[in-house]
Amino acid sequence: MLVFPWLTITFIKGDAGMAVCFILFFVINPLFSIISGVFAGRNPKKLWVCPLMTGILFILGCWLSFEMGEGAFVVYGIGYCAIGAAAMGISVLFSKILRR
């Protein structure tokens, strides 16, 4: 989440870089948020910060790579936090159901 935007703008130029950014924003980052949420759902009392950190790392990575203070990245970061928190909640719910 922190390094991928920098790698994209450094090594992929032009329109291909924009396509890779779309893949990052709409495929890879949401999947990573879901995976971190499911992982955090195993022990939510200790790992609740994992979904939150995915959004924060995304915002920091984009601000360092693109433009500092851009508000659109904050919206995406909040969305990734929400996706991770929802995945964590669903994971906790499924683990409680499976225990019974």
PDB file of N, CA and C in Angstrom:
ATOM      1  N   MET A   1       0.819  -1.190   0.000  1.00  0.00           N
ATOM      2  CA  MET A   1       0.000   0.000   0.000  1.00  0.00           C
ATOM      3  C   MET A   1       0.864   1.255   0.000  1.00  0.00           C
ATOM      4  N   LEU A   2       2.012   1.169   0.592  1.00  0.00           N
ATOM      5  CA  LEU A   2       2.876   2.338   0.679  1.00  0.00           C
ATOM      6  C   LEU A   2       3.783   2.455  -0.537  1.00  0.00           C
ATOM      7  N   VAL A   3       4.218   1.348  -1.089  1.00  0.00           N
ATOM      8  CA  VAL A   3       5.228   1.361  -2.148  1.00  0.00           C
ATOM      9  C   VAL A   3       4.615   1.245  -3.547  1.00  0.00           C
ATOM     10  N   PHE A   4       3.456   0.621  -3.685  1.00  0.00           N
ATOM     11  CA  PHE A   4       2.893   0.377  -5.012  1.00  0.00           C
ATOM     12  C   PHE A   4       2.656   1.640  -5.833  1.00  0.00           C
ATOM     13  N   PRO A   5       2.120   2.730  -5.273  1.00  0.00           N
ATOM     14  CA  PRO A   5       1.971   3.936  -6.101  1.00  0.00           C
ATOM     15  C   PRO A   5       3.309   4.472  -6.608  1.00  0.00           C
ATOM     16  N   TRP A   6       4.328   4.433  -5.773  1.00  0.00           N
ATOM     17  CA  TRP A   6       5.650   4.904  -6.199  1.00  0.00           C
ATOM     18  C   TRP A   6       6.213   4.018  -7.303  1.00  0.00           C
ATOM     19  N   LEU A   7       6.079   2.699  -7.148  1.00  0.00           N
ATOM     20  CA  LEU A   7       6.550   1.788  -8.190  1.00  0.00           C
ATOM     21  C   LEU A   7       5.835   2.042  -9.512  1.00  0.00           C
ATOM     22  N   THR A   8       4.544   2.333  -9.433  1.00  0.00           N
ATOM     23  CA  THR A   8       3.760   2.571 -10.640  1.00  0.00           C
ATOM     24  C   THR A   8       4.246   3.803 -11.381  1.00  0.00           C
ATOM     25  N   ILE A   9       4.407   4.913 -10.678  1.00  0.00           N
ATOM     26  CA  ILE A   9       4.798   6.132 -11.383  1.00  0.00           C
ATOM     27  C   ILE A   9       6.270   6.140 -11.755  1.00  0.00           C
ATOM     28  N   THR A  10       7.076   5.324 -11.105  1.00  0.00           N
ATOM     29  CA  THR A  10       8.502   5.288 -11.410  1.00  0.00           C
ATOM     30  C   THR A  10       8.807   4.415 -12.620  1.00  0.00           C
ATOM     31  N   PHE A  11       8.213   3.253 -12.697  1.00  0.00           N
ATOM     32  CA  PHE A  11       8.606   2.291 -13.714  1.00  0.00           C
ATOM     33  C   PHE A  11       7.644   2.167 -14.888  1.00  0.00           C
ATOM     34  N   ILE A  12       6.435   2.680 -14.773  1.00  0.00           N
ATOM     35  CA  ILE A  12       5.460   2.560 -15.857  1.00  0.00           C
ATOM     36  C   ILE A  12       5.081   3.970 -16.289  1.00  0.00           C
ATOM     37  N   LYS A  13       5.352   4.291 -17.519  1.00  0.00           N
ATOM     38  CA  LYS A  13       5.153   5.650 -18.028  1.00  0.00           C
ATOM     39  C   LYS A  13       3.898   5.741 -18.891  1.00  0.00           C
ATOM     40  N   GLY A  14       3.377   6.949 -18.996  1.00  0.00           N
ATOM     41  CA  GLY A  14       2.287   7.250 -19.914  1.00  0.00           C
ATOM     42  C   GLY A  14       0.961   6.642 -19.526  1.00  0.00           C
ATOM     43  N   ASP A  15       0.217   6.263 -20.567  1.00  0.00           N
ATOM     44  CA  ASP A  15      -1.129   5.723 -20.364  1.00  0.00           C
ATOM     45  C   ASP A  15      -1.123   4.374 -19.655  1.00  0.00           C
ATOM     46  N   ALA A  16      -0.062   3.613 -19.833  1.00  0.00           N
ATOM     47  CA  ALA A  16       0.027   2.327 -19.137  1.00  0.00           C
ATOM     48  C   ALA A  16       0.092   2.543 -17.630  1.00  0.00           C
ATOM     49  N   GLY A  17       0.745   3.613 -17.197  1.00  0.00           N
ATOM     50  CA  GLY A  17       0.796   3.937 -15.772  1.00  0.00           C
ATOM     51  C   GLY A  17      -0.579   4.254 -15.213  1.00  0.00           C
ATOM     52  N   MET A  18      -1.392   4.945 -16.008  1.00  0.00           N
ATOM     53  CA  MET A  18      -2.756   5.251 -15.572  1.00  0.00           C
ATOM     54  C   MET A  18      -3.581   3.972 -15.465  1.00  0.00           C
ATOM     55  N   ALA A  19      -3.396   3.061 -16.407  1.00  0.00           N
ATOM     56  CA  ALA A  19      -4.122   1.789 -16.349  1.00  0.00           C
ATOM     57  C   ALA A  19      -3.718   0.993 -15.115  1.00  0.00           C
ATOM     58  N   VAL A  20      -2.432   0.985 -14.806  1.00  0.00           N
ATOM     59  CA  VAL A  20      -1.966   0.267 -13.615  1.00  0.00           C
ATOM     60  C   VAL A  20      -2.505   0.932 -12.353  1.00  0.00           C
ATOM     61  N   CYS A  21      -2.588   2.258 -12.336  1.00  0.00           N
ATOM     62  CA  CYS A  21      -3.177   2.957 -11.178  1.00  0.00           C
ATOM     63  C   CYS A  21      -4.635   2.565 -10.989  1.00  0.00           C
ATOM     64  N   PHE A  22      -5.391   2.452 -12.081  1.00  0.00           N
ATOM     65  CA  PHE A  22      -6.777   2.007 -11.969  1.00  0.00           C
ATOM     66  C   PHE A  22      -6.852   0.589 -11.412  1.00  0.00           C
ATOM     67  N   ILE A  23      -5.957  -0.278 -11.866  1.00  0.00           N
ATOM     68  CA  ILE A  23      -5.935  -1.648 -11.342  1.00  0.00           C
ATOM     69  C   ILE A  23      -5.599  -1.639  -9.854  1.00  0.00           C
ATOM     70  N   LEU A  24      -4.648  -0.793  -9.463  1.00  0.00           N
ATOM     71  CA  LEU A  24      -4.303  -0.678  -8.041  1.00  0.00           C
ATOM     72  C   LEU A  24      -5.493  -0.193  -7.223  1.00  0.00           C
ATOM     73  N   PHE A  25      -6.130   0.883  -7.683  1.00  0.00           N
ATOM     74  CA  PHE A  25      -7.189   1.512  -6.896  1.00  0.00           C
ATOM     75  C   PHE A  25      -8.455   0.671  -6.822  1.00  0.00           C
ATOM     76  N   PHE A  26      -8.765  -0.081  -7.882  1.00  0.00           N
ATOM     77  CA  PHE A  26     -10.049  -0.771  -7.935  1.00  0.00           C
ATOM     78  C   PHE A  26      -9.970  -2.285  -7.791  1.00  0.00           C
ATOM     79  N   VAL A  27      -8.766  -2.873  -7.821  1.00  0.00           N
ATOM     80  CA  VAL A  27      -8.653  -4.329  -7.701  1.00  0.00           C
ATOM     81  C   VAL A  27      -7.709  -4.721  -6.569  1.00  0.00           C
ATOM     82  N   ILE A  28      -6.460  -4.324  -6.674  1.00  0.00           N
ATOM     83  CA  ILE A  28      -5.438  -4.806  -5.743  1.00  0.00           C
ATOM     84  C   ILE A  28      -5.643  -4.246  -4.338  1.00  0.00           C
ATOM     85  N   ASN A  29      -5.830  -2.942  -4.210  1.00  0.00           N
ATOM     86  CA  ASN A  29      -5.998  -2.347  -2.878  1.00  0.00           C
ATOM     87  C   ASN A  29      -7.267  -2.822  -2.172  1.00  0.00           C
ATOM     88  N   PRO A  30      -8.432  -2.913  -2.856  1.00  0.00           N
ATOM     89  CA  PRO A  30      -9.593  -3.474  -2.149  1.00  0.00           C
ATOM     90  C   PRO A  30      -9.393  -4.932  -1.722  1.00  0.00           C
ATOM     91  N   LEU A  31      -8.736  -5.729  -2.575  1.00  0.00           N
ATOM     92  CA  LEU A  31      -8.465  -7.116  -2.182  1.00  0.00           C
ATOM     93  C   LEU A  31      -7.549  -7.179  -0.970  1.00  0.00           C
ATOM     94  N   PHE A  32      -6.537  -6.317  -0.940  1.00  0.00           N
ATOM     95  CA  PHE A  32      -5.649  -6.277   0.215  1.00  0.00           C
ATOM     96  C   PHE A  32      -6.408  -5.855   1.472  1.00  0.00           C
ATOM     97  N   SER A  33      -7.344  -4.914   1.331  1.00  0.00           N
ATOM     98  CA  SER A  33      -8.152  -4.494   2.478  1.00  0.00           C
ATOM     99  C   SER A  33      -9.028  -5.633   2.980  1.00  0.00           C
ATOM    100  N   ILE A  34      -9.603  -6.386   2.062  1.00  0.00           N
ATOM    101  CA  ILE A  34     -10.431  -7.527   2.457  1.00  0.00           C
ATOM    102  C   ILE A  34      -9.588  -8.585   3.156  1.00  0.00           C
ATOM    103  N   ILE A  35      -8.427  -8.878   2.610  1.00  0.00           N
ATOM    104  CA  ILE A  35      -7.550  -9.886   3.217  1.00  0.00           C
ATOM    105  C   ILE A  35      -7.098  -9.456   4.607  1.00  0.00           C
ATOM    106  N   SER A  36      -6.740  -8.174   4.763  1.00  0.00           N
ATOM    107  CA  SER A  36      -6.324  -7.708   6.094  1.00  0.00           C
ATOM    108  C   SER A  36      -7.494  -7.728   7.071  1.00  0.00           C
ATOM    109  N   GLY A  37      -8.712  -7.453   6.587  1.00  0.00           N
ATOM    110  CA  GLY A  37      -9.885  -7.528   7.451  1.00  0.00           C
ATOM    111  C   GLY A  37     -10.188  -8.943   7.901  1.00  0.00           C
ATOM    112  N   VAL A  38     -10.070  -9.894   6.986  1.00  0.00           N
ATOM    113  CA  VAL A  38     -10.290 -11.302   7.347  1.00  0.00           C
ATOM    114  C   VAL A  38      -9.222 -11.756   8.333  1.00  0.00           C
ATOM    115  N   PHE A  39      -7.978 -11.358   8.098  1.00  0.00           N
ATOM    116  CA  PHE A  39      -6.894 -11.692   9.022  1.00  0.00           C
ATOM    117  C   PHE A  39      -7.153 -11.083  10.398  1.00  0.00           C
ATOM    118  N   ALA A  40      -7.604  -9.827  10.435  1.00  0.00           N
ATOM    119  CA  ALA A  40      -7.883  -9.165  11.712  1.00  0.00           C
ATOM    120  C   ALA A  40      -9.085  -9.781  12.411  1.00  0.00           C
ATOM    121  N   GLY A  41      -9.993 -10.387  11.661  1.00  0.00           N
ATOM    122  CA  GLY A  41     -11.162 -11.017  12.256  1.00  0.00           C
ATOM    123  C   GLY A  41     -10.846 -12.251  13.072  1.00  0.00           C
ATOM    124  N   ARG A  42      -9.661 -12.807  12.905  1.00  0.00           N
ATOM    125  CA  ARG A  42      -9.271 -13.969  13.704  1.00  0.00           C
ATOM    126  C   ARG A  42      -9.079 -13.606  15.170  1.00  0.00           C
ATOM    127  N   ASN A  43      -8.545 -12.417  15.411  1.00  0.00           N
ATOM    128  CA  ASN A  43      -8.330 -11.937  16.778  1.00  0.00           C
ATOM    129  C   ASN A  43      -8.568 -10.426  16.789  1.00  0.00           C
ATOM    130  N   PRO A  44      -9.829 -10.003  16.780  1.00  0.00           N
ATOM    131  CA  PRO A  44     -10.117  -8.580  16.614  1.00  0.00           C
ATOM    132  C   PRO A  44      -9.682  -7.699  17.784  1.00  0.00           C
ATOM    133  N   LYS A  45      -9.539  -8.269  18.971  1.00  0.00           N
ATOM    134  CA  LYS A  45      -9.120  -7.447  20.108  1.00  0.00           C
ATOM    135  C   LYS A  45      -7.686  -6.967  19.958  1.00  0.00           C
ATOM    136  N   LYS A  46      -6.845  -7.762  19.325  1.00  0.00           N
ATOM    137  CA  LYS A  46      -5.445  -7.381  19.137  1.00  0.00           C
ATOM    138  C   LYS A  46      -5.164  -6.824  17.747  1.00  0.00           C
ATOM    139  N   LEU A  47      -5.911  -7.270  16.746  1.00  0.00           N
ATOM    140  CA  LEU A  47      -5.595  -6.919  15.360  1.00  0.00           C
ATOM    141  C   LEU A  47      -6.583  -5.935  14.741  1.00  0.00           C
ATOM    142  N   TRP A  48      -7.358  -5.213  15.531  1.00  0.00           N
ATOM    143  CA  TRP A  48      -8.350  -4.291  15.003  1.00  0.00           C
ATOM    144  C   TRP A  48      -7.716  -3.172  14.185  1.00  0.00           C
ATOM    145  N   VAL A  49      -6.445  -2.922  14.406  1.00  0.00           N
ATOM    146  CA  VAL A  49      -5.777  -1.815  13.732  1.00  0.00           C
ATOM    147  C   VAL A  49      -5.385  -2.157  12.287  1.00  0.00           C
ATOM    148  N   CYS A  50      -5.390  -3.428  11.919  1.00  0.00           N
ATOM    149  CA  CYS A  50      -4.975  -3.830  10.565  1.00  0.00           C
ATOM    150  C   CYS A  50      -5.816  -3.181   9.459  1.00  0.00           C
ATOM    151  N   PRO A  51      -7.148  -3.227   9.509  1.00  0.00           N
ATOM    152  CA  PRO A  51      -7.915  -2.555   8.456  1.00  0.00           C
ATOM    153  C   PRO A  51      -7.705  -1.041   8.449  1.00  0.00           C
ATOM    154  N   LEU A  52      -7.491  -0.463   9.606  1.00  0.00           N
ATOM    155  CA  LEU A  52      -7.236   0.972   9.689  1.00  0.00           C
ATOM    156  C   LEU A  52      -5.896   1.328   9.058  1.00  0.00           C
ATOM    157  N   MET A  53      -4.902   0.491   9.293  1.00  0.00           N
ATOM    158  CA  MET A  53      -3.566   0.767   8.757  1.00  0.00           C
ATOM    159  C   MET A  53      -3.519   0.646   7.236  1.00  0.00           C
ATOM    160  N   THR A  54      -4.361  -0.192   6.646  1.00  0.00           N
ATOM    161  CA  THR A  54      -4.351  -0.291   5.186  1.00  0.00           C
ATOM    162  C   THR A  54      -4.754   1.032   4.551  1.00  0.00           C
ATOM    163  N   GLY A  55      -5.768   1.665   5.097  1.00  0.00           N
ATOM    164  CA  GLY A  55      -6.186   2.966   4.576  1.00  0.00           C
ATOM    165  C   GLY A  55      -5.152   4.046   4.816  1.00  0.00           C
ATOM    166  N   ILE A  56      -4.561   4.051   5.995  1.00  0.00           N
ATOM    167  CA  ILE A  56      -3.545   5.058   6.315  1.00  0.00           C
ATOM    168  C   ILE A  56      -2.315   4.884   5.433  1.00  0.00           C
ATOM    169  N   LEU A  57      -1.871   3.656   5.240  1.00  0.00           N
ATOM    170  CA  LEU A  57      -0.717   3.414   4.371  1.00  0.00           C
ATOM    171  C   LEU A  57      -1.018   3.782   2.924  1.00  0.00           C
ATOM    172  N   PHE A  58      -2.247   3.555   2.481  1.00  0.00           N
ATOM    173  CA  PHE A  58      -2.622   3.958   1.133  1.00  0.00           C
ATOM    174  C   PHE A  58      -2.532   5.469   0.981  1.00  0.00           C
ATOM    175  N   ILE A  59      -3.096   6.196   1.933  1.00  0.00           N
ATOM    176  CA  ILE A  59      -3.069   7.655   1.858  1.00  0.00           C
ATOM    177  C   ILE A  59      -1.637   8.170   1.874  1.00  0.00           C
ATOM    178  N   LEU A  60      -0.815   7.655   2.767  1.00  0.00           N
ATOM    179  CA  LEU A  60       0.584   8.088   2.823  1.00  0.00           C
ATOM    180  C   LEU A  60       1.324   7.773   1.529  1.00  0.00           C
ATOM    181  N   GLY A  61       1.120   6.585   1.001  1.00  0.00           N
ATOM    182  CA  GLY A  61       1.792   6.205  -0.238  1.00  0.00           C
ATOM    183  C   GLY A  61       1.399   7.088  -1.407  1.00  0.00           C
ATOM    184  N   CYS A  62       0.114   7.387  -1.513  1.00  0.00           N
ATOM    185  CA  CYS A  62      -0.335   8.250  -2.612  1.00  0.00           C
ATOM    186  C   CYS A  62       0.128   9.682  -2.422  1.00  0.00           C
ATOM    187  N   TRP A  63       0.078  10.186  -1.204  1.00  0.00           N
ATOM    188  CA  TRP A  63       0.541  11.553  -0.971  1.00  0.00           C
ATOM    189  C   TRP A  63       2.031  11.687  -1.240  1.00  0.00           C
ATOM    190  N   LEU A  64       2.812  10.683  -0.879  1.00  0.00           N
ATOM    191  CA  LEU A  64       4.251  10.753  -1.136  1.00  0.00           C
ATOM    192  C   LEU A  64       4.569  10.589  -2.616  1.00  0.00           C
ATOM    193  N   SER A  65       3.748   9.835  -3.337  1.00  0.00           N
ATOM    194  CA  SER A  65       4.027   9.565  -4.745  1.00  0.00           C
ATOM    195  C   SER A  65       3.405  10.589  -5.684  1.00  0.00           C
ATOM    196  N   PHE A  66       2.216  11.068  -5.373  1.00  0.00           N
ATOM    197  CA  PHE A  66       1.519  11.958  -6.288  1.00  0.00           C
ATOM    198  C   PHE A  66       1.536  13.390  -5.765  1.00  0.00           C
ATOM    199  N   GLU A  67       0.472  13.816  -5.124  1.00  0.00           N
ATOM    200  CA  GLU A  67       0.382  15.196  -4.658  1.00  0.00           C
ATOM    201  C   GLU A  67      -0.039  15.203  -3.193  1.00  0.00           C
ATOM    202  N   MET A  68       0.758  15.848  -2.370  1.00  0.00           N
ATOM    203  CA  MET A  68       0.485  15.912  -0.935  1.00  0.00           C
ATOM    204  C   MET A  68      -0.810  16.680  -0.682  1.00  0.00           C
ATOM    205  N   GLY A  69      -1.676  16.109   0.124  1.00  0.00           N
ATOM    206  CA  GLY A  69      -2.902  16.778   0.526  1.00  0.00           C
ATOM    207  C   GLY A  69      -4.072  16.595  -0.416  1.00  0.00           C
ATOM    208  N   GLU A  70      -3.958  15.764  -1.428  1.00  0.00           N
ATOM    209  CA  GLU A  70      -5.055  15.541  -2.369  1.00  0.00           C
ATOM    210  C   GLU A  70      -6.206  14.832  -1.657  1.00  0.00           C
ATOM    211  N   GLY A  71      -7.382  15.438  -1.701  1.00  0.00           N
ATOM    212  CA  GLY A  71      -8.532  14.930  -0.965  1.00  0.00           C
ATOM    213  C   GLY A  71      -9.123  13.648  -1.514  1.00  0.00           C
ATOM    214  N   ALA A  72      -8.962  13.401  -2.811  1.00  0.00           N
ATOM    215  CA  ALA A  72      -9.530  12.184  -3.403  1.00  0.00           C
ATOM    216  C   ALA A  72      -8.895  10.935  -2.809  1.00  0.00           C
ATOM    217  N   PHE A  73      -7.614  11.016  -2.481  1.00  0.00           N
ATOM    218  CA  PHE A  73      -6.947   9.856  -1.897  1.00  0.00           C
ATOM    219  C   PHE A  73      -7.462   9.581  -0.488  1.00  0.00           C
ATOM    220  N   VAL A  74      -7.874  10.611   0.212  1.00  0.00           N
ATOM    221  CA  VAL A  74      -8.450  10.428   1.547  1.00  0.00           C
ATOM    222  C   VAL A  74      -9.775   9.668   1.438  1.00  0.00           C
ATOM    223  N   VAL A  75     -10.562  10.012   0.428  1.00  0.00           N
ATOM    224  CA  VAL A  75     -11.838   9.312   0.222  1.00  0.00           C
ATOM    225  C   VAL A  75     -11.593   7.831  -0.064  1.00  0.00           C
ATOM    226  N   TYR A  76     -10.622   7.546  -0.944  1.00  0.00           N
ATOM    227  CA  TYR A  76     -10.285   6.150  -1.222  1.00  0.00           C
ATOM    228  C   TYR A  76      -9.770   5.456   0.038  1.00  0.00           C
ATOM    229  N   GLY A  77      -8.934   6.129   0.810  1.00  0.00           N
ATOM    230  CA  GLY A  77      -8.405   5.542   2.043  1.00  0.00           C
ATOM    231  C   GLY A  77      -9.501   5.212   3.039  1.00  0.00           C
ATOM    232  N   ILE A  78     -10.463   6.107   3.174  1.00  0.00           N
ATOM    233  CA  ILE A  78     -11.600   5.841   4.061  1.00  0.00           C
ATOM    234  C   ILE A  78     -12.409   4.655   3.538  1.00  0.00           C
ATOM    235  N   GLY A  79     -12.565   4.585   2.228  1.00  0.00           N
ATOM    236  CA  GLY A  79     -13.262   3.442   1.634  1.00  0.00           C
ATOM    237  C   GLY A  79     -12.549   2.131   1.901  1.00  0.00           C
ATOM    238  N   TYR A  80     -11.218   2.140   1.790  1.00  0.00           N
ATOM    239  CA  TYR A  80     -10.448   0.926   2.070  1.00  0.00           C
ATOM    240  C   TYR A  80     -10.540   0.551   3.544  1.00  0.00           C
ATOM    241  N   CYS A  81     -10.569   1.545   4.432  1.00  0.00           N
ATOM    242  CA  CYS A  81     -10.770   1.258   5.862  1.00  0.00           C
ATOM    243  C   CYS A  81     -12.137   0.623   6.092  1.00  0.00           C
ATOM    244  N   ALA A  82     -13.154   1.157   5.418  1.00  0.00           N
ATOM    245  CA  ALA A  82     -14.504   0.613   5.574  1.00  0.00           C
ATOM    246  C   ALA A  82     -14.599  -0.810   5.028  1.00  0.00           C
ATOM    247  N   ILE A  83     -13.961  -1.061   3.889  1.00  0.00           N
ATOM    248  CA  ILE A  83     -13.962  -2.415   3.321  1.00  0.00           C
ATOM    249  C   ILE A  83     -13.282  -3.387   4.275  1.00  0.00           C
ATOM    250  N   GLY A  84     -12.138  -2.985   4.821  1.00  0.00           N
ATOM    251  CA  GLY A  84     -11.415  -3.843   5.760  1.00  0.00           C
ATOM    252  C   GLY A  84     -12.198  -4.083   7.036  1.00  0.00           C
ATOM    253  N   ALA A  85     -12.856  -3.038   7.555  1.00  0.00           N
ATOM    254  CA  ALA A  85     -13.650  -3.188   8.775  1.00  0.00           C
ATOM    255  C   ALA A  85     -14.854  -4.099   8.528  1.00  0.00           C
ATOM    256  N   ALA A  86     -15.482  -3.958   7.365  1.00  0.00           N
ATOM    257  CA  ALA A  86     -16.605  -4.835   7.037  1.00  0.00           C
ATOM    258  C   ALA A  86     -16.146  -6.283   6.910  1.00  0.00           C
ATOM    259  N   ALA A  87     -15.000  -6.494   6.277  1.00  0.00           N
ATOM    260  CA  ALA A  87     -14.466  -7.860   6.156  1.00  0.00           C
ATOM    261  C   ALA A  87     -14.120  -8.425   7.526  1.00  0.00           C
ATOM    262  N   MET A  88     -13.601  -7.582   8.416  1.00  0.00           N
ATOM    263  CA  MET A  88     -13.291  -8.036   9.767  1.00  0.00           C
ATOM    264  C   MET A  88     -14.576  -8.415  10.502  1.00  0.00           C
ATOM    265  N   GLY A  89     -15.606  -7.599  10.383  1.00  0.00           N
ATOM    266  CA  GLY A  89     -16.876  -7.904  11.031  1.00  0.00           C
ATOM    267  C   GLY A  89     -17.500  -9.189  10.515  1.00  0.00           C
ATOM    268  N   ILE A  90     -17.460  -9.383   9.214  1.00  0.00           N
ATOM    269  CA  ILE A  90     -18.001 -10.607   8.630  1.00  0.00           C
ATOM    270  C   ILE A  90     -17.185 -11.815   9.074  1.00  0.00           C
ATOM    271  N   SER A  91     -15.870 -11.652   9.141  1.00  0.00           N
ATOM    272  CA  SER A  91     -15.009 -12.747   9.593  1.00  0.00           C
ATOM    273  C   SER A  91     -15.299 -13.120  11.044  1.00  0.00           C
ATOM    274  N   VAL A  92     -15.498 -12.127  11.891  1.00  0.00           N
ATOM    275  CA  VAL A  92     -15.840 -12.387  13.294  1.00  0.00           C
ATOM    276  C   VAL A  92     -17.195 -13.084  13.378  1.00  0.00           C
ATOM    277  N   LEU A  93     -18.158 -12.618  12.588  1.00  0.00           N
ATOM    278  CA  LEU A  93     -19.489 -13.221  12.585  1.00  0.00           C
ATOM    279  C   LEU A  93     -19.430 -14.686  12.148  1.00  0.00           C
ATOM    280  N   PHE A  94     -18.699 -14.964  11.074  1.00  0.00           N
ATOM    281  CA  PHE A  94     -18.573 -16.350  10.614  1.00  0.00           C
ATOM    282  C   PHE A  94     -17.860 -17.227  11.627  1.00  0.00           C
ATOM    283  N   SER A  95     -16.840 -16.692  12.280  1.00  0.00           N
ATOM    284  CA  SER A  95     -16.132 -17.511  13.275  1.00  0.00           C
ATOM    285  C   SER A  95     -17.031 -17.823  14.469  1.00  0.00           C
ATOM    286  N   LYS A  96     -17.903 -16.891  14.860  1.00  0.00           N
ATOM    287  CA  LYS A  96     -18.839 -17.159  15.952  1.00  0.00           C
ATOM    288  C   LYS A  96     -19.885 -18.183  15.538  1.00  0.00           C
ATOM    289  N   ILE A  97     -20.333 -18.100  14.296  1.00  0.00           N
ATOM    290  CA  ILE A  97     -21.322 -19.061  13.807  1.00  0.00           C
ATOM    291  C   ILE A  97     -20.713 -20.457  13.725  1.00  0.00           C
ATOM    292  N   LEU A  98     -19.470 -20.548  13.260  1.00  0.00           N
ATOM    293  CA  LEU A  98     -18.826 -21.853  13.113  1.00  0.00           C
ATOM    294  C   LEU A  98     -18.478 -22.486  14.453  1.00  0.00           C
ATOM    295  N   ARG A  99     -18.291 -21.691  15.490  1.00  0.00           N
ATOM    296  CA  ARG A  99     -17.992 -22.237  16.821  1.00  0.00           C
ATOM    297  C   ARG A  99     -19.189 -22.946  17.421  1.00  0.00           C
ATOM    298  N   ARG A 100     -20.383 -22.545  17.044  1.00  0.00           N
ATOM    299  CA  ARG A 100     -21.600 -23.128  17.624  1.00  0.00           C
ATOM    300  C   ARG A 100     -21.921 -24.431  17.042  1.00  0.00           C
TER     301      ARG A 100
END
